[in-house]
Protein backbone atom coordinates (compact mmCIF):
# COMPACT_ATOMS: atom_id res chain seq x y z
CA UNK A 1 0.00 0.00 0.00
CA UNK A 2 2.87 2.34 0.78
CA UNK A 3 4.28 2.02 -2.74
CA UNK A 4 0.84 2.71 -4.22
CA UNK A 5 0.54 5.93 -2.25
CA UNK A 6 4.08 6.94 -3.21
CA UNK A 7 3.33 6.22 -6.89
CA UNK A 8 0.03 8.11 -6.71
CA UNK A 9 1.79 11.08 -5.10
CA UNK A 10 4.35 11.04 -7.92
CA UNK A 11 1.60 10.82 -10.55
CA UNK A 12 -0.47 13.66 -9.13
CA UNK A 13 2.56 15.83 -8.40
CA UNK A 14 5.86 15.49 -10.19
CA UNK A 15 4.48 13.75 -13.31
CA UNK A 16 2.27 16.75 -14.02
CA UNK A 17 4.94 19.42 -13.55
CA UNK A 18 5.81 21.97 -16.19
CA UNK A 19 4.11 25.08 -17.48
CA UNK A 20 3.45 23.69 -20.95
CA UNK A 21 2.00 20.50 -19.45
CA UNK A 22 -0.30 22.61 -17.26
CA UNK A 23 -1.48 24.74 -20.19
CA UNK A 24 -2.17 21.68 -22.35
CA UNK A 25 -4.07 20.01 -19.50
CA UNK A 26 -6.07 23.21 -18.96
CA UNK A 27 -7.04 23.24 -22.65
CA UNK A 28 -8.00 19.56 -22.47
CA UNK A 29 -10.14 19.99 -19.35
CA UNK A 30 -11.76 23.07 -20.90
CA UNK A 31 -12.64 21.04 -24.00
CA UNK A 32 -13.98 18.27 -21.79
CA UNK A 33 -16.22 20.67 -19.84
CA UNK A 34 -17.37 22.45 -22.99
CA UNK A 35 -18.14 19.14 -24.69
CA UNK A 36 -20.18 18.01 -21.70
CA UNK A 37 -22.07 21.28 -21.50
CA UNK A 38 -22.92 21.21 -25.21
CA UNK A 39 -23.30 17.42 -25.26
CA UNK A 40 -20.81 17.27 -28.11
CA UNK A 41 -19.39 13.79 -27.63
CA UNK A 42 -16.73 14.24 -30.28
CA UNK A 43 -15.13 17.01 -28.23
CA UNK A 44 -15.50 14.97 -25.04
CA UNK A 45 -13.74 12.00 -26.66
CA UNK A 46 -10.96 14.19 -28.07
CA UNK A 47 -10.23 15.93 -24.76
CA UNK A 48 -8.30 13.03 -23.10
CA UNK A 49 -6.00 12.90 -26.11
CA UNK A 50 -5.40 16.65 -25.85
CA UNK A 51 -4.62 16.30 -22.13
CA UNK A 52 -2.12 13.55 -22.84
CA UNK A 53 -0.25 15.78 -25.26
CA UNK A 54 1.25 17.43 -22.17
CA UNK A 55 2.71 14.09 -21.09
CA UNK A 56 3.90 13.39 -24.59
CA UNK A 57 5.58 16.79 -24.63
CA UNK A 58 7.34 15.99 -21.36
CA UNK A 59 8.31 12.58 -22.72
CA UNK A 60 9.79 14.16 -25.85
CA UNK A 61 11.84 16.46 -23.61
CA UNK A 62 13.21 13.43 -21.72
CA UNK A 63 11.16 13.99 -18.56
CA UNK A 64 9.88 10.81 -16.85
CA UNK A 65 10.41 8.61 -19.91
CA UNK A 66 10.15 5.32 -18.03
CA UNK A 67 6.88 6.27 -16.36
CA UNK A 68 5.28 7.94 -19.37
CA UNK A 69 5.26 4.78 -21.48
CA UNK A 70 3.30 3.02 -18.74
CA UNK A 71 0.95 5.84 -17.79
CA UNK A 72 -0.07 7.47 -21.08
CA UNK A 73 -1.94 4.44 -22.53
CA UNK A 74 -3.69 3.86 -19.19
CA UNK A 75 -4.80 7.47 -19.02
CA UNK A 76 -6.13 7.37 -22.58
CA UNK A 77 -8.13 4.27 -21.72
CA UNK A 78 -9.38 5.75 -18.44
CA UNK A 79 -10.39 8.99 -20.17
CA UNK A 80 -12.35 7.15 -22.82
CA UNK A 81 -14.07 4.92 -20.24
CA UNK A 82 -14.94 7.98 -18.15
CA UNK A 83 -16.36 9.79 -21.19
CA UNK A 84 -18.32 6.67 -22.13
CA UNK A 85 -19.82 6.43 -18.66
CA UNK A 86 -20.87 10.07 -18.75
CA UNK A 87 -22.40 9.50 -22.17
CA UNK A 88 -24.40 6.54 -20.85
CA UNK A 89 -25.55 8.50 -17.80
CA UNK A 90 -26.73 11.36 -19.98
CA UNK A 91 -28.58 8.97 -22.29
CA UNK A 92 -30.16 7.04 -19.42
CA UNK A 93 -31.19 10.01 -17.28
CA UNK A 94 -31.72 12.50 -20.11
CA UNK A 95 -29.57 15.22 -18.58
PDB file of N, CA and C in Angstrom:
ATOM      1  N   UNK A   1       0.825  -1.198   0.000  1.00  0.00           N
ATOM      2  CA  UNK A   1       0.000   0.000   0.000  1.00  0.00           C
ATOM      3  C   UNK A   1       0.870   1.263   0.000  1.00  0.00           C
ATOM      4  N   UNK A   2       1.981   1.193   0.702  1.00  0.00           N
ATOM      5  CA  UNK A   2       2.874   2.340   0.776  1.00  0.00           C
ATOM      6  C   UNK A   2       3.419   2.715  -0.600  1.00  0.00           C
ATOM      7  N   UNK A   3       3.765   1.714  -1.411  1.00  0.00           N
ATOM      8  CA  UNK A   3       4.283   2.016  -2.742  1.00  0.00           C
ATOM      9  C   UNK A   3       3.185   2.597  -3.640  1.00  0.00           C
ATOM     10  N   UNK A   4       1.946   2.154  -3.454  1.00  0.00           N
ATOM     11  CA  UNK A   4       0.838   2.708  -4.225  1.00  0.00           C
ATOM     12  C   UNK A   4       0.657   4.191  -3.915  1.00  0.00           C
ATOM     13  N   UNK A   5       0.691   4.535  -2.649  1.00  0.00           N
ATOM     14  CA  UNK A   5       0.536   5.932  -2.248  1.00  0.00           C
ATOM     15  C   UNK A   5       1.699   6.770  -2.772  1.00  0.00           C
ATOM     16  N   UNK A   6       2.908   6.225  -2.702  1.00  0.00           N
ATOM     17  CA  UNK A   6       4.077   6.941  -3.211  1.00  0.00           C
ATOM     18  C   UNK A   6       3.953   7.145  -4.727  1.00  0.00           C
ATOM     19  N   UNK A   7       3.498   6.117  -5.442  1.00  0.00           N
ATOM     20  CA  UNK A   7       3.330   6.222  -6.891  1.00  0.00           C
ATOM     21  C   UNK A   7       2.219   7.209  -7.239  1.00  0.00           C
ATOM     22  N   UNK A   8       1.131   7.173  -6.492  1.00  0.00           N
ATOM     23  CA  UNK A   8       0.028   8.109  -6.712  1.00  0.00           C
ATOM     24  C   UNK A   8       0.482   9.549  -6.454  1.00  0.00           C
ATOM     25  N   UNK A   9       1.262   9.742  -5.405  1.00  0.00           N
ATOM     26  CA  UNK A   9       1.788  11.079  -5.100  1.00  0.00           C
ATOM     27  C   UNK A   9       2.672  11.574  -6.236  1.00  0.00           C
ATOM     28  N   UNK A  10       3.514  10.684  -6.777  1.00  0.00           N
ATOM     29  CA  UNK A  10       4.354  11.044  -7.921  1.00  0.00           C
ATOM     30  C   UNK A  10       3.482  11.408  -9.116  1.00  0.00           C
ATOM     31  N   UNK A  11       2.467  10.599  -9.392  1.00  0.00           N
ATOM     32  CA  UNK A  11       1.605  10.817 -10.552  1.00  0.00           C
ATOM     33  C   UNK A  11       0.864  12.142 -10.454  1.00  0.00           C
ATOM     34  N   UNK A  12       0.308  12.430  -9.291  1.00  0.00           N
ATOM     35  CA  UNK A  12      -0.468  13.661  -9.133  1.00  0.00           C
ATOM     36  C   UNK A  12       0.422  14.890  -8.977  1.00  0.00           C
ATOM     37  N   UNK A  13       1.666  14.699  -8.622  1.00  0.00           N
ATOM     38  CA  UNK A  13       2.565  15.828  -8.400  1.00  0.00           C
ATOM     39  C   UNK A  13       3.595  15.984  -9.491  1.00  0.00           C
ATOM     40  N   UNK A  14       4.695  15.303  -9.335  1.00  0.00           N
ATOM     41  CA  UNK A  14       5.861  15.489 -10.193  1.00  0.00           C
ATOM     42  C   UNK A  14       5.582  15.151 -11.662  1.00  0.00           C
ATOM     43  N   UNK A  15       4.768  14.164 -11.923  1.00  0.00           N
ATOM     44  CA  UNK A  15       4.485  13.754 -13.305  1.00  0.00           C
ATOM     45  C   UNK A  15       3.741  14.838 -14.075  1.00  0.00           C
ATOM     46  N   UNK A  16       3.039  15.694 -13.366  1.00  0.00           N
ATOM     47  CA  UNK A  16       2.268  16.752 -14.021  1.00  0.00           C
ATOM     48  C   UNK A  16       2.946  18.115 -13.927  1.00  0.00           C
ATOM     49  N   UNK A  17       4.222  18.149 -13.626  1.00  0.00           N
ATOM     50  CA  UNK A  17       4.944  19.421 -13.551  1.00  0.00           C
ATOM     51  C   UNK A  17       5.198  19.993 -14.934  1.00  0.00           C
ATOM     52  N   UNK A  18       5.451  21.284 -14.951  1.00  0.00           N
ATOM     53  CA  UNK A  18       5.808  21.969 -16.191  1.00  0.00           C
ATOM     54  C   UNK A  18       4.703  22.884 -16.668  1.00  0.00           C
ATOM     55  N   UNK A  19       5.088  24.087 -17.045  1.00  0.00           N
ATOM     56  CA  UNK A  19       4.105  25.083 -17.475  1.00  0.00           C
ATOM     57  C   UNK A  19       3.374  24.653 -18.738  1.00  0.00           C
ATOM     58  N   UNK A  20       4.092  24.108 -19.695  1.00  0.00           N
ATOM     59  CA  UNK A  20       3.447  23.685 -20.949  1.00  0.00           C
ATOM     60  C   UNK A  20       2.478  22.538 -20.678  1.00  0.00           C
ATOM     61  N   UNK A  21       2.879  21.604 -19.836  1.00  0.00           N
ATOM     62  CA  UNK A  21       2.000  20.501 -19.453  1.00  0.00           C
ATOM     63  C   UNK A  21       0.734  21.046 -18.794  1.00  0.00           C
ATOM     64  N   UNK A  22       0.869  22.030 -17.918  1.00  0.00           N
ATOM     65  CA  UNK A  22      -0.304  22.610 -17.256  1.00  0.00           C
ATOM     66  C   UNK A  22      -1.226  23.301 -18.257  1.00  0.00           C
ATOM     67  N   UNK A  23      -0.657  24.049 -19.186  1.00  0.00           N
ATOM     68  CA  UNK A  23      -1.475  24.744 -20.189  1.00  0.00           C
ATOM     69  C   UNK A  23      -2.224  23.732 -21.056  1.00  0.00           C
ATOM     70  N   UNK A  24      -1.530  22.695 -21.499  1.00  0.00           N
ATOM     71  CA  UNK A  24      -2.173  21.683 -22.346  1.00  0.00           C
ATOM     72  C   UNK A  24      -3.269  20.959 -21.579  1.00  0.00           C
ATOM     73  N   UNK A  25      -3.026  20.639 -20.307  1.00  0.00           N
ATOM     74  CA  UNK A  25      -4.075  20.012 -19.503  1.00  0.00           C
ATOM     75  C   UNK A  25      -5.264  20.954 -19.321  1.00  0.00           C
ATOM     76  N   UNK A  26      -4.993  22.238 -19.106  1.00  0.00           N
ATOM     77  CA  UNK A  26      -6.074  23.210 -18.962  1.00  0.00           C
ATOM     78  C   UNK A  26      -6.941  23.245 -20.223  1.00  0.00           C
ATOM     79  N   UNK A  27      -6.297  23.253 -21.384  1.00  0.00           N
ATOM     80  CA  UNK A  27      -7.041  23.243 -22.654  1.00  0.00           C
ATOM     81  C   UNK A  27      -7.872  21.968 -22.761  1.00  0.00           C
ATOM     82  N   UNK A  28      -7.277  20.825 -22.398  1.00  0.00           N
ATOM     83  CA  UNK A  28      -7.995  19.558 -22.469  1.00  0.00           C
ATOM     84  C   UNK A  28      -9.197  19.512 -21.540  1.00  0.00           C
ATOM     85  N   UNK A  29      -9.022  19.974 -20.295  1.00  0.00           N
ATOM     86  CA  UNK A  29     -10.142  19.993 -19.349  1.00  0.00           C
ATOM     87  C   UNK A  29     -11.213  20.989 -19.793  1.00  0.00           C
ATOM     88  N   UNK A  30     -10.790  22.099 -20.383  1.00  0.00           N
ATOM     89  CA  UNK A  30     -11.755  23.067 -20.900  1.00  0.00           C
ATOM     90  C   UNK A  30     -12.577  22.450 -22.027  1.00  0.00           C
ATOM     91  N   UNK A  31     -11.912  21.745 -22.930  1.00  0.00           N
ATOM     92  CA  UNK A  31     -12.636  21.045 -24.002  1.00  0.00           C
ATOM     93  C   UNK A  31     -13.596  20.014 -23.429  1.00  0.00           C
ATOM     94  N   UNK A  32     -13.141  19.292 -22.416  1.00  0.00           N
ATOM     95  CA  UNK A  32     -13.983  18.270 -21.790  1.00  0.00           C
ATOM     96  C   UNK A  32     -15.250  18.906 -21.202  1.00  0.00           C
ATOM     97  N   UNK A  33     -15.071  19.988 -20.436  1.00  0.00           N
ATOM     98  CA  UNK A  33     -16.223  20.670 -19.842  1.00  0.00           C
ATOM     99  C   UNK A  33     -17.146  21.271 -20.883  1.00  0.00           C
ATOM    100  N   UNK A  34     -16.564  21.872 -21.910  1.00  0.00           N
ATOM    101  CA  UNK A  34     -17.369  22.452 -22.985  1.00  0.00           C
ATOM    102  C   UNK A  34     -18.148  21.358 -23.720  1.00  0.00           C
ATOM    103  N   UNK A  35     -17.475  20.252 -24.006  1.00  0.00           N
ATOM    104  CA  UNK A  35     -18.141  19.143 -24.689  1.00  0.00           C
ATOM    105  C   UNK A  35     -19.292  18.584 -23.884  1.00  0.00           C
ATOM    106  N   UNK A  36     -19.091  18.481 -22.554  1.00  0.00           N
ATOM    107  CA  UNK A  36     -20.183  18.009 -21.700  1.00  0.00           C
ATOM    108  C   UNK A  36     -21.342  18.993 -21.687  1.00  0.00           C
ATOM    109  N   UNK A  37     -21.015  20.267 -21.560  1.00  0.00           N
ATOM    110  CA  UNK A  37     -22.070  21.284 -21.497  1.00  0.00           C
ATOM    111  C   UNK A  37     -22.884  21.328 -22.781  1.00  0.00           C
ATOM    112  N   UNK A  38     -22.237  21.161 -23.915  1.00  0.00           N
ATOM    113  CA  UNK A  38     -22.920  21.212 -25.207  1.00  0.00           C
ATOM    114  C   UNK A  38     -23.365  19.833 -25.688  1.00  0.00           C
ATOM    115  N   UNK A  39     -23.039  18.814 -24.902  1.00  0.00           N
ATOM    116  CA  UNK A  39     -23.305  17.420 -25.264  1.00  0.00           C
ATOM    117  C   UNK A  39     -22.749  17.091 -26.643  1.00  0.00           C
ATOM    118  N   UNK A  40     -21.543  17.563 -26.879  1.00  0.00           N
ATOM    119  CA  UNK A  40     -20.814  17.271 -28.105  1.00  0.00           C
ATOM    120  C   UNK A  40     -19.807  16.171 -27.768  1.00  0.00           C
ATOM    121  N   UNK A  41     -20.171  14.944 -28.070  1.00  0.00           N
ATOM    122  CA  UNK A  41     -19.387  13.787 -27.628  1.00  0.00           C
ATOM    123  C   UNK A  41     -18.077  13.649 -28.392  1.00  0.00           C
ATOM    124  N   UNK A  42     -17.997  14.244 -29.555  1.00  0.00           N
ATOM    125  CA  UNK A  42     -16.726  14.239 -30.281  1.00  0.00           C
ATOM    126  C   UNK A  42     -15.681  15.035 -29.508  1.00  0.00           C
ATOM    127  N   UNK A  43     -16.061  16.196 -29.018  1.00  0.00           N
ATOM    128  CA  UNK A  43     -15.134  17.012 -28.233  1.00  0.00           C
ATOM    129  C   UNK A  43     -14.773  16.305 -26.930  1.00  0.00           C
ATOM    130  N   UNK A  44     -15.761  15.692 -26.291  1.00  0.00           N
ATOM    131  CA  UNK A  44     -15.498  14.966 -25.039  1.00  0.00           C
ATOM    132  C   UNK A  44     -14.498  13.843 -25.281  1.00  0.00           C
ATOM    133  N   UNK A  45     -14.645  13.118 -26.377  1.00  0.00           N
ATOM    134  CA  UNK A  45     -13.736  12.005 -26.663  1.00  0.00           C
ATOM    135  C   UNK A  45     -12.353  12.472 -27.098  1.00  0.00           C
ATOM    136  N   UNK A  46     -12.259  13.651 -27.662  1.00  0.00           N
ATOM    137  CA  UNK A  46     -10.962  14.195 -28.072  1.00  0.00           C
ATOM    138  C   UNK A  46     -10.187  14.745 -26.879  1.00  0.00           C
ATOM    139  N   UNK A  47     -10.884  15.233 -25.873  1.00  0.00           N
ATOM    140  CA  UNK A  47     -10.230  15.926 -24.761  1.00  0.00           C
ATOM    141  C   UNK A  47      -9.182  15.087 -24.022  1.00  0.00           C
ATOM    142  N   UNK A  48      -9.377  13.783 -23.762  1.00  0.00           N
ATOM    143  CA  UNK A  48      -8.301  13.029 -23.100  1.00  0.00           C
ATOM    144  C   UNK A  48      -7.027  12.977 -23.943  1.00  0.00           C
ATOM    145  N   UNK A  49      -7.179  12.923 -25.247  1.00  0.00           N
ATOM    146  CA  UNK A  49      -6.001  12.899 -26.112  1.00  0.00           C
ATOM    147  C   UNK A  49      -5.267  14.237 -26.059  1.00  0.00           C
ATOM    148  N   UNK A  50      -6.026  15.330 -25.977  1.00  0.00           N
ATOM    149  CA  UNK A  50      -5.401  16.654 -25.853  1.00  0.00           C
ATOM    150  C   UNK A  50      -4.646  16.734 -24.531  1.00  0.00           C
ATOM    151  N   UNK A  51      -5.275  16.263 -23.445  1.00  0.00           N
ATOM    152  CA  UNK A  51      -4.616  16.304 -22.135  1.00  0.00           C
ATOM    153  C   UNK A  51      -3.317  15.501 -22.139  1.00  0.00           C
ATOM    154  N   UNK A  52      -3.313  14.385 -22.818  1.00  0.00           N
ATOM    155  CA  UNK A  52      -2.117  13.547 -22.843  1.00  0.00           C
ATOM    156  C   UNK A  52      -0.989  14.152 -23.663  1.00  0.00           C
ATOM    157  N   UNK A  53      -1.308  15.132 -24.492  1.00  0.00           N
ATOM    158  CA  UNK A  53      -0.249  15.781 -25.261  1.00  0.00           C
ATOM    159  C   UNK A  53       0.760  16.452 -24.331  1.00  0.00           C
ATOM    160  N   UNK A  54       0.322  16.874 -23.147  1.00  0.00           N
ATOM    161  CA  UNK A  54       1.250  17.432 -22.168  1.00  0.00           C
ATOM    162  C   UNK A  54       2.258  16.402 -21.701  1.00  0.00           C
ATOM    163  N   UNK A  55       1.797  15.173 -21.492  1.00  0.00           N
ATOM    164  CA  UNK A  55       2.706  14.094 -21.085  1.00  0.00           C
ATOM    165  C   UNK A  55       3.624  13.709 -22.241  1.00  0.00           C
ATOM    166  N   UNK A  56       3.077  13.714 -23.430  1.00  0.00           N
ATOM    167  CA  UNK A  56       3.900  13.387 -24.593  1.00  0.00           C
ATOM    168  C   UNK A  56       4.957  14.464 -24.800  1.00  0.00           C
ATOM    169  N   UNK A  57       4.591  15.714 -24.556  1.00  0.00           N
ATOM    170  CA  UNK A  57       5.580  16.790 -24.635  1.00  0.00           C
ATOM    171  C   UNK A  57       6.704  16.549 -23.620  1.00  0.00           C
ATOM    172  N   UNK A  58       6.322  16.261 -22.377  1.00  0.00           N
ATOM    173  CA  UNK A  58       7.343  15.992 -21.356  1.00  0.00           C
ATOM    174  C   UNK A  58       8.199  14.797 -21.756  1.00  0.00           C
ATOM    175  N   UNK A  59       7.567  13.760 -22.290  1.00  0.00           N
ATOM    176  CA  UNK A  59       8.308  12.576 -22.723  1.00  0.00           C
ATOM    177  C   UNK A  59       9.315  12.944 -23.807  1.00  0.00           C
ATOM    178  N   UNK A  60       8.897  13.775 -24.755  1.00  0.00           N
ATOM    179  CA  UNK A  60       9.792  14.158 -25.849  1.00  0.00           C
ATOM    180  C   UNK A  60      10.958  15.000 -25.341  1.00  0.00           C
ATOM    181  N   UNK A  61      10.770  15.660 -24.219  1.00  0.00           N
ATOM    182  CA  UNK A  61      11.842  16.456 -23.615  1.00  0.00           C
ATOM    183  C   UNK A  61      12.723  15.614 -22.693  1.00  0.00           C
ATOM    184  N   UNK A  62      12.406  14.324 -22.545  1.00  0.00           N
ATOM    185  CA  UNK A  62      13.208  13.434 -21.716  1.00  0.00           C
ATOM    186  C   UNK A  62      12.795  13.406 -20.263  1.00  0.00           C
ATOM    187  N   UNK A  63      11.636  13.937 -19.940  1.00  0.00           N
ATOM    188  CA  UNK A  63      11.162  13.990 -18.556  1.00  0.00           C
ATOM    189  C   UNK A  63      10.287  12.768 -18.284  1.00  0.00           C
ATOM    190  N   UNK A  64      10.652  11.983 -17.301  1.00  0.00           N
ATOM    191  CA  UNK A  64       9.876  10.812 -16.850  1.00  0.00           C
ATOM    192  C   UNK A  64       9.612   9.813 -17.980  1.00  0.00           C
ATOM    193  N   UNK A  65      10.609   9.524 -18.772  1.00  0.00           N
ATOM    194  CA  UNK A  65      10.413   8.610 -19.908  1.00  0.00           C
ATOM    195  C   UNK A  65       9.956   7.220 -19.483  1.00  0.00           C
ATOM    196  N   UNK A  66      10.522   6.686 -18.424  1.00  0.00           N
ATOM    197  CA  UNK A  66      10.154   5.321 -18.031  1.00  0.00           C
ATOM    198  C   UNK A  66       8.715   5.249 -17.549  1.00  0.00           C
ATOM    199  N   UNK A  67       8.252   6.280 -16.870  1.00  0.00           N
ATOM    200  CA  UNK A  67       6.879   6.269 -16.356  1.00  0.00           C
ATOM    201  C   UNK A  67       5.867   6.600 -17.438  1.00  0.00           C
ATOM    202  N   UNK A  68       6.229   7.481 -18.357  1.00  0.00           N
ATOM    203  CA  UNK A  68       5.282   7.945 -19.374  1.00  0.00           C
ATOM    204  C   UNK A  68       4.784   6.797 -20.245  1.00  0.00           C
ATOM    205  N   UNK A  69       5.673   5.899 -20.610  1.00  0.00           N
ATOM    206  CA  UNK A  69       5.263   4.785 -21.475  1.00  0.00           C
ATOM    207  C   UNK A  69       4.262   3.866 -20.795  1.00  0.00           C
ATOM    208  N   UNK A  70       4.264   3.843 -19.477  1.00  0.00           N
ATOM    209  CA  UNK A  70       3.304   3.025 -18.735  1.00  0.00           C
ATOM    210  C   UNK A  70       2.001   3.780 -18.490  1.00  0.00           C
ATOM    211  N   UNK A  71       2.106   5.071 -18.241  1.00  0.00           N
ATOM    212  CA  UNK A  71       0.953   5.845 -17.790  1.00  0.00           C
ATOM    213  C   UNK A  71       0.091   6.362 -18.930  1.00  0.00           C
ATOM    214  N   UNK A  72       0.700   6.829 -20.005  1.00  0.00           N
ATOM    215  CA  UNK A  72      -0.072   7.469 -21.080  1.00  0.00           C
ATOM    216  C   UNK A  72      -1.157   6.551 -21.654  1.00  0.00           C
ATOM    217  N   UNK A  73      -0.854   5.295 -22.016  1.00  0.00           N
ATOM    218  CA  UNK A  73      -1.939   4.439 -22.530  1.00  0.00           C
ATOM    219  C   UNK A  73      -3.040   4.190 -21.503  1.00  0.00           C
ATOM    220  N   UNK A  74      -2.673   4.068 -20.230  1.00  0.00           N
ATOM    221  CA  UNK A  74      -3.686   3.856 -19.190  1.00  0.00           C
ATOM    222  C   UNK A  74      -4.580   5.080 -19.035  1.00  0.00           C
ATOM    223  N   UNK A  75      -3.990   6.267 -19.140  1.00  0.00           N
ATOM    224  CA  UNK A  75      -4.801   7.473 -19.021  1.00  0.00           C
ATOM    225  C   UNK A  75      -5.721   7.646 -20.221  1.00  0.00           C
ATOM    226  N   UNK A  76      -5.248   7.314 -21.410  1.00  0.00           N
ATOM    227  CA  UNK A  76      -6.134   7.375 -22.580  1.00  0.00           C
ATOM    228  C   UNK A  76      -7.324   6.447 -22.378  1.00  0.00           C
ATOM    229  N   UNK A  77      -7.048   5.238 -21.940  1.00  0.00           N
ATOM    230  CA  UNK A  77      -8.129   4.273 -21.722  1.00  0.00           C
ATOM    231  C   UNK A  77      -9.077   4.764 -20.637  1.00  0.00           C
ATOM    232  N   UNK A  78      -8.533   5.266 -19.531  1.00  0.00           N
ATOM    233  CA  UNK A  78      -9.379   5.754 -18.437  1.00  0.00           C
ATOM    234  C   UNK A  78     -10.223   6.951 -18.893  1.00  0.00           C
ATOM    235  N   UNK A  79      -9.638   7.837 -19.670  1.00  0.00           N
ATOM    236  CA  UNK A  79     -10.389   8.993 -20.167  1.00  0.00           C
ATOM    237  C   UNK A  79     -11.535   8.586 -21.063  1.00  0.00           C
ATOM    238  N   UNK A  80     -11.295   7.620 -21.921  1.00  0.00           N
ATOM    239  CA  UNK A  80     -12.355   7.151 -22.819  1.00  0.00           C
ATOM    240  C   UNK A  80     -13.452   6.417 -22.058  1.00  0.00           C
ATOM    241  N   UNK A  81     -13.070   5.619 -21.066  1.00  0.00           N
ATOM    242  CA  UNK A  81     -14.066   4.919 -20.243  1.00  0.00           C
ATOM    243  C   UNK A  81     -14.900   5.937 -19.471  1.00  0.00           C
ATOM    244  N   UNK A  82     -14.244   6.943 -18.896  1.00  0.00           N
ATOM    245  CA  UNK A  82     -14.944   7.981 -18.152  1.00  0.00           C
ATOM    246  C   UNK A  82     -15.916   8.734 -19.062  1.00  0.00           C
ATOM    247  N   UNK A  83     -15.479   9.100 -20.241  1.00  0.00           N
ATOM    248  CA  UNK A  83     -16.358   9.788 -21.186  1.00  0.00           C
ATOM    249  C   UNK A  83     -17.518   8.898 -21.597  1.00  0.00           C
ATOM    250  N   UNK A  84     -17.257   7.614 -21.789  1.00  0.00           N
ATOM    251  CA  UNK A  84     -18.322   6.673 -22.130  1.00  0.00           C
ATOM    252  C   UNK A  84     -19.355   6.538 -21.024  1.00  0.00           C
ATOM    253  N   UNK A  85     -18.890   6.504 -19.787  1.00  0.00           N
ATOM    254  CA  UNK A  85     -19.821   6.426 -18.660  1.00  0.00           C
ATOM    255  C   UNK A  85     -20.684   7.684 -18.565  1.00  0.00           C
ATOM    256  N   UNK A  86     -20.090   8.826 -18.774  1.00  0.00           N
ATOM    257  CA  UNK A  86     -20.872  10.065 -18.752  1.00  0.00           C
ATOM    258  C   UNK A  86     -21.893  10.060 -19.882  1.00  0.00           C
ATOM    259  N   UNK A  87     -21.482   9.591 -21.047  1.00  0.00           N
ATOM    260  CA  UNK A  87     -22.404   9.501 -22.171  1.00  0.00           C
ATOM    261  C   UNK A  87     -23.593   8.605 -21.816  1.00  0.00           C
ATOM    262  N   UNK A  88     -23.315   7.457 -21.229  1.00  0.00           N
ATOM    263  CA  UNK A  88     -24.398   6.543 -20.847  1.00  0.00           C
ATOM    264  C   UNK A  88     -25.315   7.171 -19.795  1.00  0.00           C
ATOM    265  N   UNK A  89     -24.730   7.848 -18.805  1.00  0.00           N
ATOM    266  CA  UNK A  89     -25.549   8.496 -17.796  1.00  0.00           C
ATOM    267  C   UNK A  89     -26.443   9.566 -18.397  1.00  0.00           C
ATOM    268  N   UNK A  90     -25.918  10.322 -19.329  1.00  0.00           N
ATOM    269  CA  UNK A  90     -26.729  11.364 -19.979  1.00  0.00           C
ATOM    270  C   UNK A  90     -27.846  10.722 -20.791  1.00  0.00           C
ATOM    271  N   UNK A  91     -27.551   9.636 -21.487  1.00  0.00           N
ATOM    272  CA  UNK A  91     -28.580   8.973 -22.289  1.00  0.00           C
ATOM    273  C   UNK A  91     -29.639   8.322 -21.407  1.00  0.00           C
ATOM    274  N   UNK A  92     -29.215   7.723 -20.297  1.00  0.00           N
ATOM    275  CA  UNK A  92     -30.162   7.037 -19.418  1.00  0.00           C
ATOM    276  C   UNK A  92     -31.048   8.023 -18.685  1.00  0.00           C
ATOM    277  N   UNK A  93     -30.442   9.073 -18.120  1.00  0.00           N
ATOM    278  CA  UNK A  93     -31.188  10.006 -17.283  1.00  0.00           C
ATOM    279  C   UNK A  93     -31.635  11.254 -18.031  1.00  0.00           C
ATOM    280  N   UNK A  94     -31.258  11.383 -19.292  1.00  0.00           N
ATOM    281  CA  UNK A  94     -31.717  12.495 -20.107  1.00  0.00           C
ATOM    282  C   UNK A  94     -31.267  13.866 -19.616  1.00  0.00           C
ATOM    283  N   UNK A  95     -30.072  13.923 -19.095  1.00  0.00           N
ATOM    284  CA  UNK A  95     -29.566  15.219 -18.584  1.00  0.00           C
ATOM    285  C   UNK A  95     -29.219  16.149 -19.701  1.00  0.00           C
TER     286      UNK A  95
END
